[in-house]
Amino acid sequence: MEWSSLRRSPSLSVPDRLSVDIERLILDGQLKPGDRLPTERELGDLLGVSRVSVRQALHELEARGLIDRRPGRGTIVLAPADRSGEAGDALSALMIAASSGTSEIARIMELRAVIEPPIAGLAAARVTARDTEQLRALVEEMEQETNLSRYAELDRSFHHAISVYTHNPLLAQLTELIAEQIAPSRRKSLQTPARRATSSAAHRRIFEAIAAHDQAAAEREARLHVEGVLHEALRASSVETETAP
């Protein structure tokens, strides 16, 4: 991991900037579950900041359930399934039940339509300056990205980040479980540049509503986006059925 290459967010305090940058590495998968972070002293030396700033940044990430810090073991990146314990197991069972049968994608997308708009609204009410910076970076990168696989990863990271910024770990866990279920359909719905452009425009509107702390607009834009994705997923599924041998 090339820590010195972390991007800079000059509008934020040093601890917030560090927590945003490290969180992005986790969201992007550059830091994977089980990875061990350098010590506070090592990170401070690598990044040219004080240990106090590093400690505050790590405390923020720990409070968000992204890392686990224990004396003698160091700082470890947590897997999504490890972030809510038994509640996460219950949610996993719920997702398995919801996705069984021939209408798997439709059922999962309907679930998204039920839960994601309120999540966006809650994020709009609770989002902080460092949260806004993270969402802005994700949106701007999506608007420039042309690689399908990378775009799908950013899409997943964007929606997961919104759930994280409700500051409710259970909502973040549920969103991650849904993302695992719809990964194949997410890529199908983004096959053409036009569809990716439409998705990016929707993400931009959701972001702007959240950044403005406009709960009603955030819910509305999230609902319109999910309904559009549901329509596209059902259309793609119908085309596949019609063309199947």
C-alpha atoms as a PDB file:
ATOM      1  CA  MET A   1       0.000   0.000   0.000  1.00  0.00           C
ATOM      2  CA  GLU A   2       1.477   3.369  -1.095  1.00  0.00           C
ATOM      3  CA  TRP A   3       0.289   5.543   1.762  1.00  0.00           C
ATOM      4  CA  SER A   4       2.118   8.649   0.554  1.00  0.00           C
ATOM      5  CA  SER A   5      -0.111   8.693  -2.564  1.00  0.00           C
ATOM      6  CA  LEU A   6      -3.308   9.455  -0.641  1.00  0.00           C
ATOM      7  CA  ARG A   7      -5.230  12.335  -2.142  1.00  0.00           C
ATOM      8  CA  ARG A   8      -5.596  15.562  -0.225  1.00  0.00           C
ATOM      9  CA  SER A   9      -8.805  17.311   0.860  1.00  0.00           C
ATOM     10  CA  PRO A  10      -7.684  20.851   1.728  1.00  0.00           C
ATOM     11  CA  SER A  11     -11.142  21.975   2.862  1.00  0.00           C
ATOM     12  CA  LEU A  12     -11.102  19.541   5.798  1.00  0.00           C
ATOM     13  CA  SER A  13      -9.168  19.380   9.048  1.00  0.00           C
ATOM     14  CA  VAL A  14      -6.187  17.034   9.062  1.00  0.00           C
ATOM     15  CA  PRO A  15      -7.947  14.262  11.073  1.00  0.00           C
ATOM     16  CA  ASP A  16     -11.072  14.482   8.889  1.00  0.00           C
ATOM     17  CA  ARG A  17      -8.963  14.425   5.741  1.00  0.00           C
ATOM     18  CA  LEU A  18      -7.133  11.328   6.932  1.00  0.00           C
ATOM     19  CA  SER A  19     -10.322   9.517   7.893  1.00  0.00           C
ATOM     20  CA  VAL A  20     -11.851  10.349   4.496  1.00  0.00           C
ATOM     21  CA  ASP A  21      -8.788   9.084   2.639  1.00  0.00           C
ATOM     22  CA  ILE A  22      -8.493   5.842   4.609  1.00  0.00           C
ATOM     23  CA  GLU A  23     -12.240   5.235   4.380  1.00  0.00           C
ATOM     24  CA  ARG A  24     -12.002   5.618   0.600  1.00  0.00           C
ATOM     25  CA  LEU A  25      -9.286   2.945   0.491  1.00  0.00           C
ATOM     26  CA  ILE A  26     -11.649   0.620   2.376  1.00  0.00           C
ATOM     27  CA  LEU A  27     -14.641   1.454   0.165  1.00  0.00           C
ATOM     28  CA  ASP A  28     -12.533   0.916  -2.958  1.00  0.00           C
ATOM     29  CA  GLY A  29     -11.224  -2.418  -1.724  1.00  0.00           C
ATOM     30  CA  GLN A  30      -7.587  -1.306  -1.685  1.00  0.00           C
ATOM     31  CA  LEU A  31      -7.685  -2.029   2.031  1.00  0.00           C
ATOM     32  CA  LYS A  32      -9.382  -5.398   2.409  1.00  0.00           C
ATOM     33  CA  PRO A  33     -11.014  -7.080   5.429  1.00  0.00           C
ATOM     34  CA  GLY A  34      -8.288  -8.427   7.677  1.00  0.00           C
ATOM     35  CA  ASP A  35      -5.619  -6.007   6.426  1.00  0.00           C
ATOM     36  CA  ARG A  36      -3.525  -4.480   9.179  1.00  0.00           C
ATOM     37  CA  LEU A  37      -2.852  -0.750   9.135  1.00  0.00           C
ATOM     38  CA  PRO A  38       0.530   0.683  10.072  1.00  0.00           C
ATOM     39  CA  THR A  39       0.948   1.917  13.630  1.00  0.00           C
ATOM     40  CA  GLU A  40      -0.015   5.471  14.539  1.00  0.00           C
ATOM     41  CA  ARG A  41       3.649   6.471  14.547  1.00  0.00           C
ATOM     42  CA  GLU A  42       4.293   4.812  11.176  1.00  0.00           C
ATOM     43  CA  LEU A  43       1.244   6.424   9.582  1.00  0.00           C
ATOM     44  CA  GLY A  44       2.243   9.802  10.966  1.00  0.00           C
ATOM     45  CA  ASP A  45       5.727   9.475   9.473  1.00  0.00           C
ATOM     46  CA  LEU A  46       4.427   8.197   6.125  1.00  0.00           C
ATOM     47  CA  LEU A  47       1.840  10.960   5.774  1.00  0.00           C
ATOM     48  CA  GLY A  48       3.761  13.778   7.409  1.00  0.00           C
ATOM     49  CA  VAL A  49       1.188  14.435  10.123  1.00  0.00           C
ATOM     50  CA  SER A  50       1.109  14.194  13.897  1.00  0.00           C
ATOM     51  CA  ARG A  51       0.223  11.051  15.837  1.00  0.00           C
ATOM     52  CA  VAL A  52      -2.630  13.003  17.421  1.00  0.00           C
ATOM     53  CA  SER A  53      -4.190  13.592  13.986  1.00  0.00           C
ATOM     54  CA  VAL A  54      -3.750   9.938  13.079  1.00  0.00           C
ATOM     55  CA  ARG A  55      -5.295   8.831  16.377  1.00  0.00           C
ATOM     56  CA  GLN A  56      -8.326  11.094  15.871  1.00  0.00           C
ATOM     57  CA  ALA A  57      -8.812   9.820  12.304  1.00  0.00           C
ATOM     58  CA  LEU A  58      -8.632   6.186  13.398  1.00  0.00           C
ATOM     59  CA  HIS A  59     -11.038   6.862  16.244  1.00  0.00           C
ATOM     60  CA  GLU A  60     -13.541   8.215  13.693  1.00  0.00           C
ATOM     61  CA  LEU A  61     -13.167   5.122  11.501  1.00  0.00           C
ATOM     62  CA  GLU A  62     -13.534   2.844  14.508  1.00  0.00           C
ATOM     63  CA  ALA A  63     -16.729   4.641  15.537  1.00  0.00           C
ATOM     64  CA  ARG A  64     -18.066   4.020  12.020  1.00  0.00           C
ATOM     65  CA  GLY A  65     -17.375   0.307  12.358  1.00  0.00           C
ATOM     66  CA  LEU A  66     -14.791   0.226   9.558  1.00  0.00           C
ATOM     67  CA  ILE A  67     -11.792  -0.835  11.641  1.00  0.00           C
ATOM     68  CA  ASP A  68     -11.089  -2.627  14.903  1.00  0.00           C
ATOM     69  CA  ARG A  69      -8.302  -1.473  17.218  1.00  0.00           C
ATOM     70  CA  ARG A  70      -6.971  -3.687  20.004  1.00  0.00           C
ATOM     71  CA  PRO A  71      -3.823  -3.442  22.126  1.00  0.00           C
ATOM     72  CA  GLY A  72      -1.242  -5.967  21.053  1.00  0.00           C
ATOM     73  CA  ARG A  73      -2.976  -6.731  17.756  1.00  0.00           C
ATOM     74  CA  GLY A  74      -3.017  -3.392  16.030  1.00  0.00           C
ATOM     75  CA  THR A  75      -5.622  -1.890  13.713  1.00  0.00           C
ATOM     76  CA  ILE A  76      -7.523  -4.289  11.447  1.00  0.00           C
ATOM     77  CA  VAL A  77      -9.959  -3.536   8.617  1.00  0.00           C
ATOM     78  CA  LEU A  78     -13.327  -5.136   9.345  1.00  0.00           C
ATOM     79  CA  ALA A  79     -15.412  -7.109   6.865  1.00  0.00           C
ATOM     80  CA  PRO A  80     -18.971  -5.797   6.388  1.00  0.00           C
ATOM     81  CA  ALA A  81     -20.328  -8.950   8.027  1.00  0.00           C
ATOM     82  CA  ASP A  82     -18.242  -8.234  11.133  1.00  0.00           C
ATOM     83  CA  ARG A  83     -19.635  -4.743  11.648  1.00  0.00           C
ATOM     84  CA  SER A  84     -22.955  -5.594  13.275  1.00  0.00           C
ATOM     85  CA  GLY A  85     -22.537  -9.024  14.850  1.00  0.00           C
ATOM     86  CA  GLU A  86     -25.650 -11.136  15.391  1.00  0.00           C
ATOM     87  CA  ALA A  87     -27.836  -8.456  13.827  1.00  0.00           C
ATOM     88  CA  GLY A  88     -25.815  -8.866  10.645  1.00  0.00           C
ATOM     89  CA  ASP A  89     -26.449 -12.618  10.684  1.00  0.00           C
ATOM     90  CA  ALA A  90     -30.174 -11.983  10.969  1.00  0.00           C
ATOM     91  CA  LEU A  91     -30.084  -9.561   8.074  1.00  0.00           C
ATOM     92  CA  SER A  92     -28.157 -12.085   5.976  1.00  0.00           C
ATOM     93  CA  ALA A  93     -30.860 -14.666   6.600  1.00  0.00           C
ATOM     94  CA  LEU A  94     -33.498 -12.119   5.614  1.00  0.00           C
ATOM     95  CA  MET A  95     -31.702 -11.393   2.353  1.00  0.00           C
ATOM     96  CA  ILE A  96     -31.411 -15.084   1.478  1.00  0.00           C
ATOM     97  CA  ALA A  97     -35.120 -15.534   2.042  1.00  0.00           C
ATOM     98  CA  ALA A  98     -35.971 -12.423   0.037  1.00  0.00           C
ATOM     99  CA  SER A  99     -33.838 -13.474  -2.924  1.00  0.00           C
ATOM    100  CA  SER A 100     -35.176 -17.032  -3.287  1.00  0.00           C
ATOM    101  CA  GLY A 101     -37.357 -17.896  -6.259  1.00  0.00           C
ATOM    102  CA  THR A 102     -37.633 -16.792  -9.863  1.00  0.00           C
ATOM    103  CA  SER A 103     -38.100 -13.058  -9.162  1.00  0.00           C
ATOM    104  CA  GLU A 104     -34.828 -12.585  -7.292  1.00  0.00           C
ATOM    105  CA  ILE A 105     -33.743  -9.340  -8.956  1.00  0.00           C
ATOM    106  CA  ALA A 106     -37.239  -7.825  -8.829  1.00  0.00           C
ATOM    107  CA  ARG A 107     -37.558  -8.626  -5.127  1.00  0.00           C
ATOM    108  CA  ILE A 108     -34.163  -7.208  -4.239  1.00  0.00           C
ATOM    109  CA  MET A 109     -34.766  -4.067  -6.299  1.00  0.00           C
ATOM    110  CA  GLU A 110     -38.153  -3.604  -4.651  1.00  0.00           C
ATOM    111  CA  LEU A 111     -36.384  -3.818  -1.309  1.00  0.00           C
ATOM    112  CA  ARG A 112     -33.979  -1.121  -2.480  1.00  0.00           C
ATOM    113  CA  ALA A 113     -36.940   1.040  -3.466  1.00  0.00           C
ATOM    114  CA  VAL A 114     -38.352   0.683   0.043  1.00  0.00           C
ATOM    115  CA  ILE A 115     -35.216   1.336   2.076  1.00  0.00           C
ATOM    116  CA  GLU A 116     -32.839   3.499   0.031  1.00  0.00           C
ATOM    117  CA  PRO A 117     -34.906   6.702  -0.233  1.00  0.00           C
ATOM    118  CA  PRO A 118     -35.355   6.991   3.571  1.00  0.00           C
ATOM    119  CA  ILE A 119     -31.660   6.158   4.004  1.00  0.00           C
ATOM    120  CA  ALA A 120     -30.751   9.030   1.671  1.00  0.00           C
ATOM    121  CA  GLY A 121     -33.047  11.333   3.622  1.00  0.00           C
ATOM    122  CA  LEU A 122     -31.489  10.295   6.920  1.00  0.00           C
ATOM    123  CA  ALA A 123     -28.008  10.822   5.497  1.00  0.00           C
ATOM    124  CA  ALA A 124     -29.023  14.328   4.411  1.00  0.00           C
ATOM    125  CA  ALA A 125     -29.990  15.095   7.999  1.00  0.00           C
ATOM    126  CA  ARG A 126     -26.794  13.681   9.525  1.00  0.00           C
ATOM    127  CA  VAL A 127     -24.052  14.116   6.934  1.00  0.00           C
ATOM    128  CA  THR A 128     -20.899  15.913   8.069  1.00  0.00           C
ATOM    129  CA  ALA A 129     -18.388  17.985   6.107  1.00  0.00           C
ATOM    130  CA  ARG A 130     -16.000  15.039   5.795  1.00  0.00           C
ATOM    131  CA  ASP A 131     -18.872  12.795   4.644  1.00  0.00           C
ATOM    132  CA  THR A 132     -19.805  15.318   1.977  1.00  0.00           C
ATOM    133  CA  GLU A 133     -16.207  15.428   0.761  1.00  0.00           C
ATOM    134  CA  GLN A 134     -16.191  11.649   0.353  1.00  0.00           C
ATOM    135  CA  LEU A 135     -19.448  11.601  -1.611  1.00  0.00           C
ATOM    136  CA  ARG A 136     -18.266  14.464  -3.807  1.00  0.00           C
ATOM    137  CA  ALA A 137     -15.090  12.564  -4.687  1.00  0.00           C
ATOM    138  CA  LEU A 138     -17.061   9.431  -5.564  1.00  0.00           C
ATOM    139  CA  VAL A 139     -19.496  11.339  -7.777  1.00  0.00           C
ATOM    140  CA  GLU A 140     -16.733  13.209  -9.591  1.00  0.00           C
ATOM    141  CA  GLU A 141     -14.796  10.008 -10.223  1.00  0.00           C
ATOM    142  CA  MET A 142     -17.901   8.261 -11.575  1.00  0.00           C
ATOM    143  CA  GLU A 143     -18.531  11.147 -13.951  1.00  0.00           C
ATOM    144  CA  GLN A 144     -15.069  10.620 -15.457  1.00  0.00           C
ATOM    145  CA  GLU A 145     -14.868   6.812 -15.360  1.00  0.00           C
ATOM    146  CA  THR A 146     -15.260   4.836 -18.605  1.00  0.00           C
ATOM    147  CA  ASN A 147     -14.253   1.359 -17.433  1.00  0.00           C
ATOM    148  CA  LEU A 148     -17.371  -0.706 -16.708  1.00  0.00           C
ATOM    149  CA  SER A 149     -15.938  -2.777 -13.865  1.00  0.00           C
ATOM    150  CA  ARG A 150     -14.476   0.250 -12.116  1.00  0.00           C
ATOM    151  CA  TYR A 151     -17.709   2.204 -12.565  1.00  0.00           C
ATOM    152  CA  ALA A 152     -19.713  -0.619 -10.992  1.00  0.00           C
ATOM    153  CA  GLU A 153     -17.349  -0.594  -8.000  1.00  0.00           C
ATOM    154  CA  LEU A 154     -17.770   3.172  -7.593  1.00  0.00           C
ATOM    155  CA  ASP A 155     -21.553   2.795  -7.909  1.00  0.00           C
ATOM    156  CA  ARG A 156     -21.546   0.269  -5.082  1.00  0.00           C
ATOM    157  CA  SER A 157     -19.238   2.457  -2.972  1.00  0.00           C
ATOM    158  CA  PHE A 158     -21.475   5.502  -3.461  1.00  0.00           C
ATOM    159  CA  HIS A 159     -24.621   3.798  -2.201  1.00  0.00           C
ATOM    160  CA  HIS A 160     -22.776   2.129   0.651  1.00  0.00           C
ATOM    161  CA  ALA A 161     -21.227   5.449   1.686  1.00  0.00           C
ATOM    162  CA  ILE A 162     -24.665   7.073   1.884  1.00  0.00           C
ATOM    163  CA  SER A 163     -25.827   4.349   4.268  1.00  0.00           C
ATOM    164  CA  VAL A 164     -22.662   4.758   6.347  1.00  0.00           C
ATOM    165  CA  TYR A 165     -23.392   8.478   6.651  1.00  0.00           C
ATOM    166  CA  THR A 166     -26.675   7.795   8.395  1.00  0.00           C
ATOM    167  CA  HIS A 167     -24.327   6.838  11.260  1.00  0.00           C
ATOM    168  CA  ASN A 168     -26.461   3.744  11.840  1.00  0.00           C
ATOM    169  CA  PRO A 169     -24.337   0.582  11.369  1.00  0.00           C
ATOM    170  CA  LEU A 170     -27.399  -1.618  10.802  1.00  0.00           C
ATOM    171  CA  LEU A 171     -28.455   0.411   7.769  1.00  0.00           C
ATOM    172  CA  ALA A 172     -24.927   0.233   6.394  1.00  0.00           C
ATOM    173  CA  GLN A 173     -24.944  -3.542   6.908  1.00  0.00           C
ATOM    174  CA  LEU A 174     -28.266  -3.963   5.127  1.00  0.00           C
ATOM    175  CA  THR A 175     -27.092  -1.892   2.165  1.00  0.00           C
ATOM    176  CA  GLU A 176     -23.931  -3.965   1.867  1.00  0.00           C
ATOM    177  CA  LEU A 177     -25.930  -7.201   1.879  1.00  0.00           C
ATOM    178  CA  ILE A 178     -28.162  -5.873  -0.889  1.00  0.00           C
ATOM    179  CA  ALA A 179     -25.086  -4.832  -2.889  1.00  0.00           C
ATOM    180  CA  GLU A 180     -23.765  -8.393  -2.745  1.00  0.00           C
ATOM    181  CA  GLN A 181     -27.055  -9.720  -4.105  1.00  0.00           C
ATOM    182  CA  ILE A 182     -27.350  -7.275  -7.012  1.00  0.00           C
ATOM    183  CA  ALA A 183     -23.708  -7.158  -8.144  1.00  0.00           C
ATOM    184  CA  PRO A 184     -24.404  -9.038 -11.425  1.00  0.00           C
ATOM    185  CA  SER A 185     -27.469  -6.953 -12.295  1.00  0.00           C
ATOM    186  CA  ARG A 186     -25.615  -3.738 -11.443  1.00  0.00           C
ATOM    187  CA  ARG A 187     -23.102  -4.427 -14.187  1.00  0.00           C
ATOM    188  CA  LYS A 188     -25.830  -5.343 -16.684  1.00  0.00           C
ATOM    189  CA  SER A 189     -27.681  -2.084 -16.019  1.00  0.00           C
ATOM    190  CA  LEU A 190     -24.510  -0.073 -16.767  1.00  0.00           C
ATOM    191  CA  GLN A 191     -23.506  -1.745 -20.037  1.00  0.00           C
ATOM    192  CA  THR A 192     -23.729   1.321 -22.288  1.00  0.00           C
ATOM    193  CA  PRO A 193     -22.149   4.782 -21.924  1.00  0.00           C
ATOM    194  CA  ALA A 194     -25.628   6.320 -22.081  1.00  0.00           C
ATOM    195  CA  ARG A 195     -26.817   4.284 -19.102  1.00  0.00           C
ATOM    196  CA  ARG A 196     -23.715   5.170 -17.111  1.00  0.00           C
ATOM    197  CA  ALA A 197     -24.257   8.850 -17.922  1.00  0.00           C
ATOM    198  CA  THR A 198     -27.863   8.586 -16.727  1.00  0.00           C
ATOM    199  CA  SER A 199     -26.702   6.868 -13.535  1.00  0.00           C
ATOM    200  CA  SER A 200     -24.031   9.506 -12.910  1.00  0.00           C
ATOM    201  CA  ALA A 201     -26.553  12.312 -13.346  1.00  0.00           C
ATOM    202  CA  ALA A 202     -28.861  10.643 -10.820  1.00  0.00           C
ATOM    203  CA  HIS A 203     -25.988  10.206  -8.371  1.00  0.00           C
ATOM    204  CA  ARG A 204     -25.074  13.884  -8.781  1.00  0.00           C
ATOM    205  CA  ARG A 205     -28.629  14.930  -7.905  1.00  0.00           C
ATOM    206  CA  ILE A 206     -28.703  12.646  -4.865  1.00  0.00           C
ATOM    207  CA  PHE A 207     -25.345  13.990  -3.712  1.00  0.00           C
ATOM    208  CA  GLU A 208     -26.365  17.634  -4.115  1.00  0.00           C
ATOM    209  CA  ALA A 209     -29.534  17.056  -2.086  1.00  0.00           C
ATOM    210  CA  ILE A 210     -27.599  15.310   0.688  1.00  0.00           C
ATOM    211  CA  ALA A 211     -24.886  17.988   0.708  1.00  0.00           C
ATOM    212  CA  ALA A 212     -27.607  20.643   1.029  1.00  0.00           C
ATOM    213  CA  HIS A 213     -29.158  18.721   3.961  1.00  0.00           C
ATOM    214  CA  ASP A 214     -32.411  18.614   1.985  1.00  0.00           C
ATOM    215  CA  GLN A 215     -34.076  15.447   3.266  1.00  0.00           C
ATOM    216  CA  ALA A 216     -37.135  15.633   1.034  1.00  0.00           C
ATOM    217  CA  ALA A 217     -35.066  16.141  -2.117  1.00  0.00           C
ATOM    218  CA  ALA A 218     -32.620  13.383  -1.155  1.00  0.00           C
ATOM    219  CA  GLU A 219     -35.482  10.914  -0.681  1.00  0.00           C
ATOM    220  CA  ARG A 220     -37.134  11.989  -3.924  1.00  0.00           C
ATOM    221  CA  GLU A 221     -33.967  11.709  -6.020  1.00  0.00           C
ATOM    222  CA  ALA A 222     -33.033   8.366  -4.470  1.00  0.00           C
ATOM    223  CA  ARG A 223     -36.517   7.016  -5.183  1.00  0.00           C
ATOM    224  CA  LEU A 224     -36.428   8.159  -8.810  1.00  0.00           C
ATOM    225  CA  HIS A 225     -32.989   6.602  -9.237  1.00  0.00           C
ATOM    226  CA  VAL A 226     -33.924   3.219  -7.784  1.00  0.00           C
ATOM    227  CA  GLU A 227     -37.171   3.114  -9.760  1.00  0.00           C
ATOM    228  CA  GLY A 228     -35.191   3.779 -12.921  1.00  0.00           C
ATOM    229  CA  VAL A 229     -32.705   1.021 -12.108  1.00  0.00           C
ATOM    230  CA  LEU A 230     -35.563  -1.382 -11.322  1.00  0.00           C
ATOM    231  CA  HIS A 231     -37.178  -0.618 -14.674  1.00  0.00           C
ATOM    232  CA  GLU A 232     -33.884  -1.210 -16.492  1.00  0.00           C
ATOM    233  CA  ALA A 233     -33.213  -4.463 -14.602  1.00  0.00           C
ATOM    234  CA  LEU A 234     -36.663  -5.811 -15.435  1.00  0.00           C
ATOM    235  CA  ARG A 235     -36.303  -4.769 -19.078  1.00  0.00           C
ATOM    236  CA  ALA A 236     -32.897  -6.475 -19.349  1.00  0.00           C
ATOM    237  CA  SER A 237     -34.306  -9.617 -17.697  1.00  0.00           C
ATOM    238  CA  SER A 238     -37.210  -9.650 -20.151  1.00  0.00           C
ATOM    239  CA  VAL A 239     -34.882  -9.321 -23.144  1.00  0.00           C
ATOM    240  CA  GLU A 240     -32.719 -12.208 -21.878  1.00  0.00           C
ATOM    241  CA  THR A 241     -35.826 -14.398 -21.488  1.00  0.00           C
ATOM    242  CA  GLU A 242     -37.045 -13.608 -24.989  1.00  0.00           C
ATOM    243  CA  THR A 243     -33.657 -14.342 -26.601  1.00  0.00           C
ATOM    244  CA  ALA A 244     -32.891 -17.485 -24.607  1.00  0.00           C
ATOM    245  CA  PRO A 245     -32.685 -20.672 -26.772  1.00  0.00           C
END
